[in-house]
PDB file of N, CA and C in Angstrom:
ATOM      1  N   MET A   1      77.795  94.885  39.486  1.00  0.00           N
ATOM      2  CA  MET A   1      78.288  95.219  40.798  1.00  0.00           C
ATOM      3  C   MET A   1      77.414  94.507  41.823  1.00  0.00           C
ATOM      4  N   PHE A   2      78.037  93.812  42.756  1.00  0.00           N
ATOM      5  CA  PHE A   2      77.308  93.229  43.868  1.00  0.00           C
ATOM      6  C   PHE A   2      77.316  94.226  45.020  1.00  0.00           C
ATOM      7  N   LEU A   3      76.146  94.641  45.450  1.00  0.00           N
ATOM      8  CA  LEU A   3      76.020  95.608  46.534  1.00  0.00           C
ATOM      9  C   LEU A   3      76.069  94.869  47.870  1.00  0.00           C
ATOM     10  N   ASP A   4      77.080  95.171  48.664  1.00  0.00           N
ATOM     11  CA  ASP A   4      77.197  94.530  49.971  1.00  0.00           C
ATOM     12  C   ASP A   4      76.745  95.483  51.074  1.00  0.00           C
ATOM     13  N   THR A   5      76.754  94.986  52.284  1.00  0.00           N
ATOM     14  CA  THR A   5      76.221  95.722  53.428  1.00  0.00           C
ATOM     15  C   THR A   5      76.930  97.054  53.658  1.00  0.00           C
ATOM     16  N   SER A   6      78.226  97.026  53.762  1.00  0.00           N
ATOM     17  CA  SER A   6      78.986  98.256  54.037  1.00  0.00           C
ATOM     18  C   SER A   6      78.899  99.247  52.891  1.00  0.00           C
ATOM     19  N   GLY A   7      78.912  98.734  51.679  1.00  0.00           N
ATOM     20  CA  GLY A   7      78.790  99.610  50.519  1.00  0.00           C
ATOM     21  C   GLY A   7      77.457 100.338  50.484  1.00  0.00           C
ATOM     22  N   LEU A   8      76.400  99.619  50.813  1.00  0.00           N
ATOM     23  CA  LEU A   8      75.079 100.258  50.862  1.00  0.00           C
ATOM     24  C   LEU A   8      75.018 101.328  51.942  1.00  0.00           C
ATOM     25  N   LEU A   9      75.637 101.043  53.078  1.00  0.00           N
ATOM     26  CA  LEU A   9      75.643 102.023  54.162  1.00  0.00           C
ATOM     27  C   LEU A   9      76.390 103.286  53.732  1.00  0.00           C
ATOM     28  N   CYS A  10      77.546 103.112  53.103  1.00  0.00           N
ATOM     29  CA  CYS A  10      78.310 104.269  52.615  1.00  0.00           C
ATOM     30  C   CYS A  10      77.539 105.020  51.536  1.00  0.00           C
ATOM     31  N   LEU A  11      76.808 104.303  50.734  1.00  0.00           N
ATOM     32  CA  LEU A  11      76.038 104.929  49.664  1.00  0.00           C
ATOM     33  C   LEU A  11      74.916 105.794  50.213  1.00  0.00           C
ATOM     34  N   GLN A  12      74.252 105.338  51.247  1.00  0.00           N
ATOM     35  CA  GLN A  12      73.081 106.054  51.751  1.00  0.00           C
ATOM     36  C   GLN A  12      73.411 107.202  52.697  1.00  0.00           C
ATOM     37  N   TYR A  13      74.435 107.066  53.510  1.00  0.00           N
ATOM     38  CA  TYR A  13      74.679 108.056  54.562  1.00  0.00           C
ATOM     39  C   TYR A  13      75.930 108.886  54.270  1.00  0.00           C
ATOM     40  N   HIS A  14      75.728 110.181  54.084  1.00  0.00           N
ATOM     41  CA  HIS A  14      76.833 111.078  53.715  1.00  0.00           C
ATOM     42  C   HIS A  14      77.865 111.242  54.825  1.00  0.00           C
ATOM     43  N   THR A  15      77.552 110.829  56.030  1.00  0.00           N
ATOM     44  CA  THR A  15      78.520 110.935  57.132  1.00  0.00           C
ATOM     45  C   THR A  15      79.545 109.807  57.117  1.00  0.00           C
ATOM     46  N   GLU A  16      79.327 108.806  56.299  1.00  0.00           N
ATOM     47  CA  GLU A  16      80.288 107.706  56.198  1.00  0.00           C
ATOM     48  C   GLU A  16      81.527 108.187  55.435  1.00  0.00           C
ATOM     49  N   PRO A  17      82.719 107.786  55.886  1.00  0.00           N
ATOM     50  CA  PRO A  17      83.959 108.278  55.266  1.00  0.00           C
ATOM     51  C   PRO A  17      84.084 107.979  53.771  1.00  0.00           C
ATOM     52  N   LEU A  18      83.534 106.884  53.296  1.00  0.00           N
ATOM     53  CA  LEU A  18      83.678 106.519  51.882  1.00  0.00           C
ATOM     54  C   LEU A  18      82.412 106.797  51.062  1.00  0.00           C
ATOM     55  N   HIS A  19      81.608 107.713  51.532  1.00  0.00           N
ATOM     56  CA  HIS A  19      80.347 108.041  50.856  1.00  0.00           C
ATOM     57  C   HIS A  19      80.580 108.473  49.410  1.00  0.00           C
ATOM     58  N   ASN A  20      81.472 109.403  49.180  1.00  0.00           N
ATOM     59  CA  ASN A  20      81.717 109.905  47.819  1.00  0.00           C
ATOM     60  C   ASN A  20      82.242 108.811  46.902  1.00  0.00           C
ATOM     61  N   CYS A  21      83.120 107.976  47.414  1.00  0.00           N
ATOM     62  CA  CYS A  21      83.644 106.855  46.633  1.00  0.00           C
ATOM     63  C   CYS A  21      82.525 105.878  46.287  1.00  0.00           C
ATOM     64  N   ALA A  22      81.644 105.606  47.244  1.00  0.00           N
ATOM     65  CA  ALA A  22      80.530 104.690  47.009  1.00  0.00           C
ATOM     66  C   ALA A  22      79.607 105.223  45.924  1.00  0.00           C
ATOM     67  N   ILE A  23      79.336 106.510  45.949  1.00  0.00           N
ATOM     68  CA  ILE A  23      78.475 107.111  44.920  1.00  0.00           C
ATOM     69  C   ILE A  23      79.124 106.992  43.544  1.00  0.00           C
ATOM     70  N   THR A  24      80.395 107.291  43.472  1.00  0.00           N
ATOM     71  CA  THR A  24      81.113 107.220  42.195  1.00  0.00           C
ATOM     72  C   THR A  24      81.067 105.814  41.606  1.00  0.00           C
ATOM     73  N   GLU A  25      81.375 104.829  42.421  1.00  0.00           N
ATOM     74  CA  GLU A  25      81.387 103.443  41.944  1.00  0.00           C
ATOM     75  C   GLU A  25      79.978 102.954  41.603  1.00  0.00           C
ATOM     76  N   TYR A  26      79.002 103.343  42.387  1.00  0.00           N
ATOM     77  CA  TYR A  26      77.611 102.961  42.142  1.00  0.00           C
ATOM     78  C   TYR A  26      77.133 103.513  40.801  1.00  0.00           C
ATOM     79  N   GLU A  27      77.455 104.752  40.530  1.00  0.00           N
ATOM     80  CA  GLU A  27      77.033 105.380  39.280  1.00  0.00           C
ATOM     81  C   GLU A  27      77.735 104.776  38.066  1.00  0.00           C
ATOM     82  N   LYS A  28      78.957 104.289  38.245  1.00  0.00           N
ATOM     83  CA  LYS A  28      79.693 103.677  37.134  1.00  0.00           C
ATOM     84  C   LYS A  28      79.160 102.293  36.770  1.00  0.00           C
ATOM     85  N   ALA A  29      78.567 101.599  37.718  1.00  0.00           N
ATOM     86  CA  ALA A  29      78.112 100.228  37.482  1.00  0.00           C
ATOM     87  C   ALA A  29      76.920 100.188  36.535  1.00  0.00           C
ATOM     88  N   LYS A  30      76.981  99.290  35.577  1.00  0.00           N
ATOM     89  CA  LYS A  30      75.879  99.132  34.637  1.00  0.00           C
ATOM     90  C   LYS A  30      74.810  98.192  35.194  1.00  0.00           C
ATOM     91  N   ILE A  31      75.238  97.215  35.961  1.00  0.00           N
ATOM     92  CA  ILE A  31      74.326  96.255  36.582  1.00  0.00           C
ATOM     93  C   ILE A  31      74.590  96.248  38.079  1.00  0.00           C
ATOM     94  N   ARG A  32      73.512  96.292  38.877  1.00  0.00           N
ATOM     95  CA  ARG A  32      73.633  96.277  40.342  1.00  0.00           C
ATOM     96  C   ARG A  32      72.739  95.176  40.883  1.00  0.00           C
ATOM     97  N   ILE A  33      73.328  94.288  41.676  1.00  0.00           N
ATOM     98  CA  ILE A  33      72.546  93.222  42.288  1.00  0.00           C
ATOM     99  C   ILE A  33      72.899  93.109  43.766  1.00  0.00           C
ATOM    100  N   THR A  34      72.006  92.530  44.518  1.00  0.00           N
ATOM    101  CA  THR A  34      72.265  92.230  45.925  1.00  0.00           C
ATOM    102  C   THR A  34      71.426  91.017  46.292  1.00  0.00           C
ATOM    103  N   HIS A  35      71.365  90.701  47.562  1.00  0.00           N
ATOM    104  CA  HIS A  35      70.654  89.520  48.035  1.00  0.00           C
ATOM    105  C   HIS A  35      69.815  89.920  49.241  1.00  0.00           C
ATOM    106  N   ASN A  36      68.743  89.207  49.477  1.00  0.00           N
ATOM    107  CA  ASN A  36      67.877  89.573  50.592  1.00  0.00           C
ATOM    108  C   ASN A  36      68.590  89.481  51.939  1.00  0.00           C
ATOM    109  N   TYR A  37      69.568  88.609  52.069  1.00  0.00           N
ATOM    110  CA  TYR A  37      70.334  88.532  53.315  1.00  0.00           C
ATOM    111  C   TYR A  37      71.177  89.785  53.528  1.00  0.00           C
ATOM    112  N   VAL A  38      71.672  90.356  52.443  1.00  0.00           N
ATOM    113  CA  VAL A  38      72.436  91.606  52.539  1.00  0.00           C
ATOM    114  C   VAL A  38      71.524  92.732  53.017  1.00  0.00           C
ATOM    115  N   ILE A  39      70.313  92.776  52.505  1.00  0.00           N
ATOM    116  CA  ILE A  39      69.360  93.810  52.926  1.00  0.00           C
ATOM    117  C   ILE A  39      69.039  93.670  54.411  1.00  0.00           C
ATOM    118  N   ALA A  40      68.799  92.451  54.862  1.00  0.00           N
ATOM    119  CA  ALA A  40      68.503  92.227  56.285  1.00  0.00           C
ATOM    120  C   ALA A  40      69.693  92.635  57.154  1.00  0.00           C
ATOM    121  N   GLU A  41      70.896  92.287  56.714  1.00  0.00           N
ATOM    122  CA  GLU A  41      72.099  92.660  57.456  1.00  0.00           C
ATOM    123  C   GLU A  41      72.304  94.172  57.435  1.00  0.00           C
ATOM    124  N   TYR A  42      71.965  94.801  56.327  1.00  0.00           N
ATOM    125  CA  TYR A  42      72.102  96.249  56.196  1.00  0.00           C
ATOM    126  C   TYR A  42      71.228  96.986  57.214  1.00  0.00           C
ATOM    127  N   VAL A  43      69.992  96.570  57.347  1.00  0.00           N
ATOM    128  CA  VAL A  43      69.090  97.213  58.311  1.00  0.00           C
ATOM    129  C   VAL A  43      69.638  97.047  59.732  1.00  0.00           C
ATOM    130  N   ALA A  44      70.142  95.864  60.041  1.00  0.00           N
ATOM    131  CA  ALA A  44      70.727  95.625  61.364  1.00  0.00           C
ATOM    132  C   ALA A  44      71.960  96.500  61.583  1.00  0.00           C
ATOM    133  N   LEU A  45      72.811  96.637  60.577  1.00  0.00           N
ATOM    134  CA  LEU A  45      74.018  97.466  60.698  1.00  0.00           C
ATOM    135  C   LEU A  45      73.661  98.935  60.886  1.00  0.00           C
ATOM    136  N   ALA A  46      72.732  99.425  60.099  1.00  0.00           N
ATOM    137  CA  ALA A  46      72.316 100.830  60.227  1.00  0.00           C
ATOM    138  C   ALA A  46      71.722 101.098  61.603  1.00  0.00           C
ATOM    139  N   THR A  47      70.950 100.162  62.099  1.00  0.00           N
ATOM    140  CA  THR A  47      70.362 100.301  63.438  1.00  0.00           C
ATOM    141  C   THR A  47      71.452 100.300  64.503  1.00  0.00           C
ATOM    142  N   ALA A  48      72.416  99.409  64.371  1.00  0.00           N
ATOM    143  CA  ALA A  48      73.520  99.335  65.336  1.00  0.00           C
ATOM    144  C   ALA A  48      74.356 100.606  65.343  1.00  0.00           C
ATOM    145  N   ARG A  49      74.461 101.262  64.193  1.00  0.00           N
ATOM    146  CA  ARG A  49      75.237 102.504  64.101  1.00  0.00           C
ATOM    147  C   ARG A  49      74.399 103.737  64.418  1.00  0.00           C
ATOM    148  N   LYS A  50      73.179 103.517  64.903  1.00  0.00           N
ATOM    149  CA  LYS A  50      72.276 104.589  65.365  1.00  0.00           C
ATOM    150  C   LYS A  50      71.738 105.477  64.253  1.00  0.00           C
ATOM    151  N   PHE A  51      71.687 104.951  63.025  1.00  0.00           N
ATOM    152  CA  PHE A  51      71.042 105.676  61.931  1.00  0.00           C
ATOM    153  C   PHE A  51      69.536 105.468  62.066  1.00  0.00           C
ATOM    154  N   PRO A  52      68.732 106.407  61.598  1.00  0.00           N
ATOM    155  CA  PRO A  52      67.273 106.258  61.693  1.00  0.00           C
ATOM    156  C   PRO A  52      66.813 104.988  60.972  1.00  0.00           C
ATOM    157  N   ARG A  53      65.937 104.247  61.603  1.00  0.00           N
ATOM    158  CA  ARG A  53      65.503 102.959  61.057  1.00  0.00           C
ATOM    159  C   ARG A  53      64.659 103.122  59.790  1.00  0.00           C
ATOM    160  N   SER A  54      63.781 104.073  59.762  1.00  0.00           N
ATOM    161  CA  SER A  54      62.862 104.216  58.624  1.00  0.00           C
ATOM    162  C   SER A  54      63.574 104.367  57.282  1.00  0.00           C
ATOM    163  N   PRO A  55      64.568 105.256  57.134  1.00  0.00           N
ATOM    164  CA  PRO A  55      65.254 105.349  55.832  1.00  0.00           C
ATOM    165  C   PRO A  55      66.040 104.084  55.479  1.00  0.00           C
ATOM    166  N   SER A  56      66.485 103.367  56.496  1.00  0.00           N
ATOM    167  CA  SER A  56      67.238 102.144  56.239  1.00  0.00           C
ATOM    168  C   SER A  56      66.360 101.052  55.658  1.00  0.00           C
ATOM    169  N   VAL A  57      65.140 101.016  56.152  1.00  0.00           N
ATOM    170  CA  VAL A  57      64.214  99.977  55.676  1.00  0.00           C
ATOM    171  C   VAL A  57      63.744 100.349  54.285  1.00  0.00           C
TER     172      VAL A  57
END
């Protein structure tokens, strides 16, 4: 499974509409990979959506 920005956001924050779906799919995946650019974009997205910065980092 390639972890993308939106998927990571849904996985971490229970207030996201697809949180439960993200957890289900994440748990089913045997291999999970991402890229450092996705992580950098994820922190920016979480900050833009007013989520606390510390848990995002």
